[in-house]
Amino acid sequence: MPVPAHFSIVTLGVADVSASAAFYRRLGWTQRGDESLGITWFRTAGTWIGLFGHDALAADAGLESTPAPAYRGVTLALNFASEDEVDDALAEAVAAGARLVKPATRADWGGYSGYFADPDGHLWEAAYAPGMPAREDGTIEIPES
């Protein structure tokens, strides 16, 4: 039996749940849960982002906690309907406390994107992809090849 693709939450290990939650609130994201319990969630277009203490998340997975590297091999993408929206999103993220990692540029794949890191270094891409236009609710459809 195949594993159903019921992807529902991405949990980020963070140094300080309250400080990280404050960052995502400054982005204007909708929060659920009581962060004083050590975990909280933010609604995205079709899933949730969870914030959980870095060490606690490692312990929950039965792993040793190690310092997070600057590049973790993962990016989270926010897709927008235009290049202007990408620029606005990057500026808002920086104003909320993010670090601009790469200013938006036109990409070889025909789109426009840039990167910011949240206060814990998790990489977010802000992108406009003409072949995968963002709907008003923020979701996209990736066409079949």
N, C-alpha and C. Protein backbone atom coordinates (compact mmCIF):
# COMPACT_ATOMS: atom_id res chain seq x y z
N MET A 1 0.85 -1.18 0.00
CA MET A 1 0.00 0.00 0.00
C MET A 1 0.89 1.24 0.00
N PRO A 2 0.65 2.18 -0.89
CA PRO A 2 1.47 3.40 -0.90
C PRO A 2 1.17 4.29 0.31
N VAL A 3 2.15 5.08 0.66
CA VAL A 3 1.97 6.06 1.75
C VAL A 3 1.25 7.27 1.15
N PRO A 4 0.09 7.64 1.69
CA PRO A 4 -0.62 8.79 1.13
C PRO A 4 0.15 10.09 1.35
N ALA A 5 0.09 10.99 0.38
CA ALA A 5 0.79 12.27 0.45
C ALA A 5 -0.07 13.29 1.20
N HIS A 6 -0.32 13.00 2.46
CA HIS A 6 -1.13 13.88 3.31
C HIS A 6 -0.23 14.79 4.12
N PHE A 7 0.58 15.53 3.43
CA PHE A 7 1.56 16.43 4.05
C PHE A 7 0.80 17.54 4.78
N SER A 8 1.02 17.68 6.08
CA SER A 8 0.21 18.63 6.82
C SER A 8 1.01 19.63 7.66
N ILE A 9 2.18 19.26 8.16
CA ILE A 9 2.96 20.16 9.02
C ILE A 9 4.44 20.02 8.72
N VAL A 10 5.14 21.15 8.65
CA VAL A 10 6.60 21.19 8.67
C VAL A 10 6.96 21.77 10.03
N THR A 11 7.70 21.02 10.83
CA THR A 11 8.11 21.52 12.15
C THR A 11 9.56 21.96 12.09
N LEU A 12 9.79 23.20 12.47
CA LEU A 12 11.14 23.77 12.48
C LEU A 12 11.68 23.76 13.90
N GLY A 13 12.88 23.23 14.07
CA GLY A 13 13.55 23.31 15.36
C GLY A 13 14.12 24.70 15.54
N VAL A 14 13.76 25.36 16.62
CA VAL A 14 14.16 26.75 16.86
C VAL A 14 14.82 26.90 18.23
N ALA A 15 15.66 27.91 18.36
CA ALA A 15 16.36 28.16 19.62
C ALA A 15 15.41 28.65 20.70
N ASP A 16 14.45 29.50 20.32
CA ASP A 16 13.53 30.11 21.28
C ASP A 16 12.16 30.19 20.63
N VAL A 17 11.23 29.34 21.08
CA VAL A 17 9.91 29.27 20.45
C VAL A 17 9.20 30.62 20.49
N SER A 18 9.25 31.31 21.60
CA SER A 18 8.56 32.61 21.71
C SER A 18 9.15 33.65 20.77
N ALA A 19 10.47 33.72 20.70
CA ALA A 19 11.11 34.69 19.81
C ALA A 19 10.80 34.37 18.35
N SER A 20 10.86 33.09 17.99
CA SER A 20 10.56 32.70 16.61
C SER A 20 9.10 32.96 16.29
N ALA A 21 8.21 32.69 17.24
CA ALA A 21 6.78 32.95 17.02
C ALA A 21 6.54 34.44 16.79
N ALA A 22 7.25 35.26 17.53
CA ALA A 22 7.10 36.72 17.35
C ALA A 22 7.49 37.12 15.93
N PHE A 23 8.54 36.51 15.38
CA PHE A 23 8.95 36.80 14.01
C PHE A 23 7.83 36.46 13.03
N TYR A 24 7.27 35.27 13.14
CA TYR A 24 6.23 34.85 12.19
C TYR A 24 4.95 35.67 12.38
N ARG A 25 4.67 36.10 13.59
CA ARG A 25 3.53 37.03 13.79
C ARG A 25 3.80 38.35 13.09
N ARG A 26 5.06 38.83 13.15
CA ARG A 26 5.39 40.09 12.46
C ARG A 26 5.22 39.96 10.94
N LEU A 27 5.36 38.74 10.41
CA LEU A 27 5.07 38.52 8.99
C LEU A 27 3.57 38.63 8.71
N GLY A 28 2.77 38.57 9.77
CA GLY A 28 1.32 38.64 9.60
C GLY A 28 0.66 37.28 9.53
N TRP A 29 1.36 36.23 9.92
CA TRP A 29 0.83 34.87 9.82
C TRP A 29 -0.07 34.55 11.01
N THR A 30 -1.05 33.70 10.79
CA THR A 30 -2.04 33.31 11.80
C THR A 30 -1.47 32.20 12.67
N GLN A 31 -1.44 32.44 13.98
CA GLN A 31 -0.86 31.50 14.94
C GLN A 31 -1.94 30.71 15.65
N ARG A 32 -1.63 29.46 15.95
CA ARG A 32 -2.49 28.59 16.75
C ARG A 32 -1.62 27.91 17.81
N GLY A 33 -2.20 27.63 18.95
CA GLY A 33 -1.48 26.94 20.01
C GLY A 33 -0.83 27.90 20.98
N ASP A 34 -0.52 27.38 22.12
CA ASP A 34 0.07 28.15 23.21
C ASP A 34 1.57 27.91 23.23
N GLU A 35 2.34 28.88 22.76
CA GLU A 35 3.79 28.69 22.66
C GLU A 35 4.45 28.42 24.00
N SER A 36 3.80 28.81 25.11
CA SER A 36 4.39 28.53 26.42
C SER A 36 4.44 27.03 26.71
N LEU A 37 3.71 26.23 25.91
CA LEU A 37 3.76 24.78 26.05
C LEU A 37 4.91 24.16 25.25
N GLY A 38 5.69 25.02 24.58
CA GLY A 38 6.88 24.55 23.88
C GLY A 38 6.70 24.30 22.40
N ILE A 39 5.50 24.49 21.89
CA ILE A 39 5.26 24.31 20.45
C ILE A 39 4.11 25.22 20.03
N THR A 40 4.18 25.71 18.82
CA THR A 40 3.10 26.53 18.28
C THR A 40 3.09 26.34 16.77
N TRP A 41 1.99 26.73 16.13
CA TRP A 41 1.84 26.52 14.70
C TRP A 41 1.37 27.79 14.01
N PHE A 42 1.73 27.89 12.72
CA PHE A 42 1.29 29.00 11.88
C PHE A 42 0.68 28.44 10.60
N ARG A 43 -0.47 28.95 10.23
CA ARG A 43 -1.18 28.50 9.03
C ARG A 43 -0.46 28.98 7.78
N THR A 44 -0.36 28.10 6.81
CA THR A 44 0.14 28.47 5.48
C THR A 44 -0.99 28.16 4.49
N ALA A 45 -0.70 28.21 3.22
CA ALA A 45 -1.74 28.05 2.20
C ALA A 45 -2.49 26.72 2.31
N GLY A 46 -1.81 25.65 2.65
CA GLY A 46 -2.50 24.37 2.73
C GLY A 46 -1.95 23.47 3.82
N THR A 47 -0.98 23.97 4.56
CA THR A 47 -0.33 23.19 5.61
C THR A 47 -0.09 24.11 6.82
N TRP A 48 0.70 23.63 7.72
CA TRP A 48 1.08 24.41 8.90
C TRP A 48 2.59 24.37 9.07
N ILE A 49 3.15 25.44 9.62
CA ILE A 49 4.54 25.48 10.06
C ILE A 49 4.51 25.37 11.58
N GLY A 50 5.19 24.38 12.12
CA GLY A 50 5.29 24.23 13.57
C GLY A 50 6.63 24.78 14.05
N LEU A 51 6.63 25.37 15.20
CA LEU A 51 7.86 25.82 15.85
C LEU A 51 8.01 25.04 17.15
N PHE A 52 9.12 24.36 17.30
CA PHE A 52 9.37 23.49 18.45
C PHE A 52 10.82 23.69 18.83
N GLY A 53 11.14 23.67 20.09
CA GLY A 53 12.52 23.85 20.52
C GLY A 53 13.46 22.89 19.79
N HIS A 54 14.62 23.40 19.37
CA HIS A 54 15.59 22.61 18.60
C HIS A 54 15.96 21.32 19.34
N ASP A 55 16.36 21.45 20.60
CA ASP A 55 16.76 20.27 21.38
C ASP A 55 15.59 19.35 21.62
N ALA A 56 14.41 19.91 21.90
CA ALA A 56 13.23 19.10 22.15
C ALA A 56 12.82 18.32 20.90
N LEU A 57 12.96 18.93 19.73
CA LEU A 57 12.62 18.24 18.48
C LEU A 57 13.57 17.07 18.24
N ALA A 58 14.86 17.29 18.48
CA ALA A 58 15.83 16.20 18.33
C ALA A 58 15.49 15.07 19.30
N ALA A 59 15.19 15.40 20.54
CA ALA A 59 14.84 14.38 21.54
C ALA A 59 13.58 13.63 21.13
N ASP A 60 12.59 14.34 20.60
CA ASP A 60 11.34 13.72 20.18
C ASP A 60 11.60 12.70 19.06
N ALA A 61 12.57 12.99 18.19
CA ALA A 61 12.91 12.09 17.10
C ALA A 61 13.90 11.01 17.53
N GLY A 62 14.37 11.08 18.79
CA GLY A 62 15.33 10.11 19.28
C GLY A 62 16.73 10.32 18.76
N LEU A 63 17.05 11.58 18.46
CA LEU A 63 18.36 11.91 17.92
C LEU A 63 19.13 12.83 18.87
N GLU A 64 20.44 12.84 18.72
CA GLU A 64 21.28 13.77 19.48
C GLU A 64 21.12 15.16 18.87
N SER A 65 21.00 16.16 19.70
CA SER A 65 20.90 17.53 19.22
C SER A 65 22.29 18.05 18.90
N THR A 66 22.45 18.56 17.69
CA THR A 66 23.70 19.15 17.27
C THR A 66 23.41 20.55 16.75
N PRO A 67 24.40 21.43 16.77
CA PRO A 67 24.17 22.78 16.23
C PRO A 67 23.74 22.70 14.76
N ALA A 68 22.79 23.55 14.39
CA ALA A 68 22.30 23.55 13.02
C ALA A 68 23.32 24.23 12.11
N PRO A 69 23.63 23.61 10.96
CA PRO A 69 24.54 24.26 10.01
C PRO A 69 23.84 25.43 9.32
N ALA A 70 24.61 26.31 8.73
CA ALA A 70 24.03 27.46 8.03
C ALA A 70 23.17 26.99 6.85
N TYR A 71 23.62 25.97 6.14
CA TYR A 71 22.84 25.42 5.04
C TYR A 71 22.41 24.01 5.42
N ARG A 72 21.11 23.79 5.44
CA ARG A 72 20.56 22.52 5.92
C ARG A 72 20.07 21.62 4.81
N GLY A 73 20.23 22.03 3.56
CA GLY A 73 19.77 21.21 2.46
C GLY A 73 18.28 21.29 2.22
N VAL A 74 17.62 22.30 2.80
CA VAL A 74 16.17 22.46 2.66
C VAL A 74 15.85 23.94 2.50
N THR A 75 14.94 24.24 1.60
CA THR A 75 14.36 25.58 1.55
C THR A 75 12.84 25.43 1.55
N LEU A 76 12.19 26.42 2.06
CA LEU A 76 10.73 26.50 2.05
C LEU A 76 10.37 27.61 1.08
N ALA A 77 9.39 27.38 0.22
CA ALA A 77 9.11 28.35 -0.84
C ALA A 77 7.76 29.02 -0.64
N LEU A 78 7.76 30.31 -0.85
CA LEU A 78 6.54 31.12 -0.91
C LEU A 78 6.42 31.59 -2.36
N ASN A 79 5.33 31.25 -3.02
CA ASN A 79 5.15 31.63 -4.42
C ASN A 79 4.19 32.80 -4.53
N PHE A 80 4.53 33.73 -5.41
CA PHE A 80 3.74 34.95 -5.57
C PHE A 80 3.33 35.13 -7.02
N ALA A 81 2.38 36.03 -7.23
CA ALA A 81 1.79 36.24 -8.55
C ALA A 81 2.58 37.22 -9.41
N SER A 82 3.61 37.87 -8.87
CA SER A 82 4.37 38.84 -9.66
C SER A 82 5.74 39.07 -9.04
N GLU A 83 6.61 39.66 -9.83
CA GLU A 83 7.94 40.04 -9.33
C GLU A 83 7.83 41.09 -8.24
N ASP A 84 6.90 42.04 -8.40
CA ASP A 84 6.72 43.07 -7.37
C ASP A 84 6.34 42.46 -6.03
N GLU A 85 5.49 41.42 -6.05
CA GLU A 85 5.10 40.76 -4.80
C GLU A 85 6.29 40.07 -4.15
N VAL A 86 7.19 39.53 -4.96
CA VAL A 86 8.42 38.91 -4.42
C VAL A 86 9.25 39.97 -3.71
N ASP A 87 9.46 41.11 -4.37
CA ASP A 87 10.24 42.19 -3.76
C ASP A 87 9.60 42.67 -2.47
N ASP A 88 8.28 42.83 -2.49
CA ASP A 88 7.57 43.27 -1.28
C ASP A 88 7.71 42.26 -0.15
N ALA A 89 7.58 40.97 -0.47
CA ALA A 89 7.69 39.93 0.55
C ALA A 89 9.08 39.91 1.17
N LEU A 90 10.11 40.03 0.35
CA LEU A 90 11.47 40.05 0.89
C LEU A 90 11.68 41.26 1.79
N ALA A 91 11.19 42.41 1.38
CA ALA A 91 11.32 43.62 2.20
C ALA A 91 10.57 43.47 3.53
N GLU A 92 9.37 42.92 3.48
CA GLU A 92 8.59 42.71 4.71
C GLU A 92 9.27 41.72 5.64
N ALA A 93 9.83 40.66 5.08
CA ALA A 93 10.52 39.67 5.90
C ALA A 93 11.72 40.29 6.61
N VAL A 94 12.49 41.07 5.88
CA VAL A 94 13.65 41.74 6.49
C VAL A 94 13.18 42.72 7.57
N ALA A 95 12.12 43.46 7.31
CA ALA A 95 11.58 44.39 8.32
C ALA A 95 11.10 43.64 9.56
N ALA A 96 10.67 42.38 9.39
CA ALA A 96 10.18 41.58 10.51
C ALA A 96 11.32 40.92 11.28
N GLY A 97 12.55 41.00 10.76
CA GLY A 97 13.70 40.44 11.47
C GLY A 97 14.45 39.35 10.73
N ALA A 98 14.08 39.09 9.47
CA ALA A 98 14.79 38.09 8.68
C ALA A 98 16.11 38.68 8.18
N ARG A 99 16.99 37.78 7.77
CA ARG A 99 18.25 38.18 7.13
C ARG A 99 18.09 37.90 5.64
N LEU A 100 18.34 38.92 4.83
CA LEU A 100 18.30 38.74 3.38
C LEU A 100 19.52 37.91 2.98
N VAL A 101 19.29 36.74 2.42
CA VAL A 101 20.36 35.84 2.02
C VAL A 101 20.76 36.11 0.57
N LYS A 102 19.76 36.28 -0.29
CA LYS A 102 20.02 36.54 -1.71
C LYS A 102 18.92 37.45 -2.23
N PRO A 103 19.26 38.64 -2.70
CA PRO A 103 18.24 39.51 -3.28
C PRO A 103 17.57 38.83 -4.47
N ALA A 104 16.36 39.21 -4.76
CA ALA A 104 15.64 38.62 -5.89
C ALA A 104 16.33 38.94 -7.20
N THR A 105 16.44 37.92 -8.03
CA THR A 105 17.01 38.06 -9.37
C THR A 105 16.21 37.20 -10.33
N ARG A 106 16.34 37.49 -11.60
CA ARG A 106 15.72 36.64 -12.62
C ARG A 106 16.51 35.34 -12.68
N ALA A 107 15.78 34.25 -12.75
CA ALA A 107 16.40 32.93 -12.71
C ALA A 107 16.45 32.28 -14.09
N ASP A 108 17.38 31.35 -14.26
CA ASP A 108 17.53 30.62 -15.52
C ASP A 108 16.24 29.89 -15.92
N TRP A 109 15.44 29.50 -14.93
CA TRP A 109 14.21 28.76 -15.22
C TRP A 109 13.04 29.67 -15.62
N GLY A 110 13.32 30.97 -15.79
CA GLY A 110 12.30 31.88 -16.29
C GLY A 110 11.53 32.64 -15.24
N GLY A 111 11.84 32.40 -13.98
CA GLY A 111 11.14 33.09 -12.90
C GLY A 111 12.00 34.15 -12.25
N TYR A 112 11.62 34.51 -11.05
CA TYR A 112 12.26 35.58 -10.29
C TYR A 112 12.20 35.16 -8.84
N SER A 113 13.34 35.12 -8.16
CA SER A 113 13.30 34.68 -6.77
C SER A 113 14.48 35.22 -5.96
N GLY A 114 14.29 35.22 -4.65
CA GLY A 114 15.31 35.58 -3.69
C GLY A 114 15.10 34.78 -2.43
N TYR A 115 16.03 34.89 -1.50
CA TYR A 115 15.99 34.09 -0.27
C TYR A 115 16.17 34.96 0.97
N PHE A 116 15.45 34.58 2.03
CA PHE A 116 15.70 35.15 3.34
C PHE A 116 15.80 34.02 4.35
N ALA A 117 16.47 34.29 5.46
CA ALA A 117 16.58 33.33 6.55
C ALA A 117 15.82 33.87 7.75
N ASP A 118 15.04 33.00 8.39
CA ASP A 118 14.34 33.40 9.61
C ASP A 118 15.38 33.54 10.73
N PRO A 119 15.00 33.97 11.92
CA PRO A 119 15.99 34.18 12.98
C PRO A 119 16.79 32.93 13.37
N ASP A 120 16.29 31.73 13.02
CA ASP A 120 17.03 30.50 13.31
C ASP A 120 17.80 29.99 12.11
N GLY A 121 17.77 30.71 11.00
CA GLY A 121 18.53 30.33 9.82
C GLY A 121 17.78 29.46 8.83
N HIS A 122 16.50 29.16 9.07
CA HIS A 122 15.72 28.39 8.10
C HIS A 122 15.54 29.23 6.85
N LEU A 123 15.87 28.65 5.69
CA LEU A 123 15.82 29.38 4.43
C LEU A 123 14.42 29.37 3.81
N TRP A 124 13.99 30.55 3.42
CA TRP A 124 12.73 30.73 2.71
C TRP A 124 13.02 31.37 1.35
N GLU A 125 12.45 30.79 0.31
CA GLU A 125 12.54 31.37 -1.02
C GLU A 125 11.25 32.12 -1.31
N ALA A 126 11.37 33.33 -1.79
CA ALA A 126 10.22 34.09 -2.29
C ALA A 126 10.34 34.06 -3.80
N ALA A 127 9.32 33.52 -4.49
CA ALA A 127 9.47 33.28 -5.92
C ALA A 127 8.22 33.67 -6.71
N TYR A 128 8.48 34.09 -7.93
CA TYR A 128 7.45 34.24 -8.95
C TYR A 128 7.83 33.25 -10.04
N ALA A 129 6.97 32.28 -10.29
CA ALA A 129 7.23 31.25 -11.30
C ALA A 129 6.12 31.31 -12.34
N PRO A 130 6.36 31.93 -13.50
CA PRO A 130 5.30 32.08 -14.49
C PRO A 130 4.66 30.76 -14.91
N GLY A 131 5.41 29.67 -14.89
CA GLY A 131 4.86 28.36 -15.27
C GLY A 131 4.03 27.70 -14.19
N MET A 132 4.06 28.28 -12.98
CA MET A 132 3.30 27.76 -11.84
C MET A 132 2.68 28.93 -11.10
N PRO A 133 1.78 29.65 -11.74
CA PRO A 133 1.27 30.88 -11.11
C PRO A 133 0.57 30.62 -9.78
N ALA A 134 0.84 31.51 -8.84
CA ALA A 134 0.21 31.42 -7.53
C ALA A 134 -1.24 31.85 -7.63
N ARG A 135 -2.10 31.05 -7.03
CA ARG A 135 -3.51 31.42 -6.95
C ARG A 135 -3.69 32.45 -5.84
N GLU A 136 -4.87 33.03 -5.78
CA GLU A 136 -5.14 34.04 -4.75
C GLU A 136 -4.91 33.49 -3.35
N ASP A 137 -5.18 32.19 -3.13
CA ASP A 137 -4.99 31.60 -1.81
C ASP A 137 -3.55 31.17 -1.54
N GLY A 138 -2.64 31.42 -2.49
CA GLY A 138 -1.23 31.11 -2.30
C GLY A 138 -0.82 29.73 -2.78
N THR A 139 -1.77 28.89 -3.17
CA THR A 139 -1.42 27.57 -3.65
C THR A 139 -0.99 27.64 -5.11
N ILE A 140 -0.31 26.60 -5.56
CA ILE A 140 0.13 26.52 -6.96
C ILE A 140 -0.21 25.15 -7.49
N GLU A 141 -0.13 25.01 -8.77
CA GLU A 141 -0.22 23.70 -9.42
C GLU A 141 1.03 23.55 -10.27
N ILE A 142 1.72 22.45 -10.12
CA ILE A 142 2.89 22.17 -10.93
C ILE A 142 2.40 21.33 -12.11
N PRO A 143 2.59 21.85 -13.33
CA PRO A 143 2.06 21.12 -14.48
C PRO A 143 2.77 19.79 -14.71
N GLU A 144 2.04 18.84 -15.28
CA GLU A 144 2.65 17.58 -15.65
C GLU A 144 3.58 17.80 -16.82
N SER A 145 4.68 17.05 -16.87
CA SER A 145 5.60 17.23 -17.98
C SER A 145 5.19 16.41 -19.17
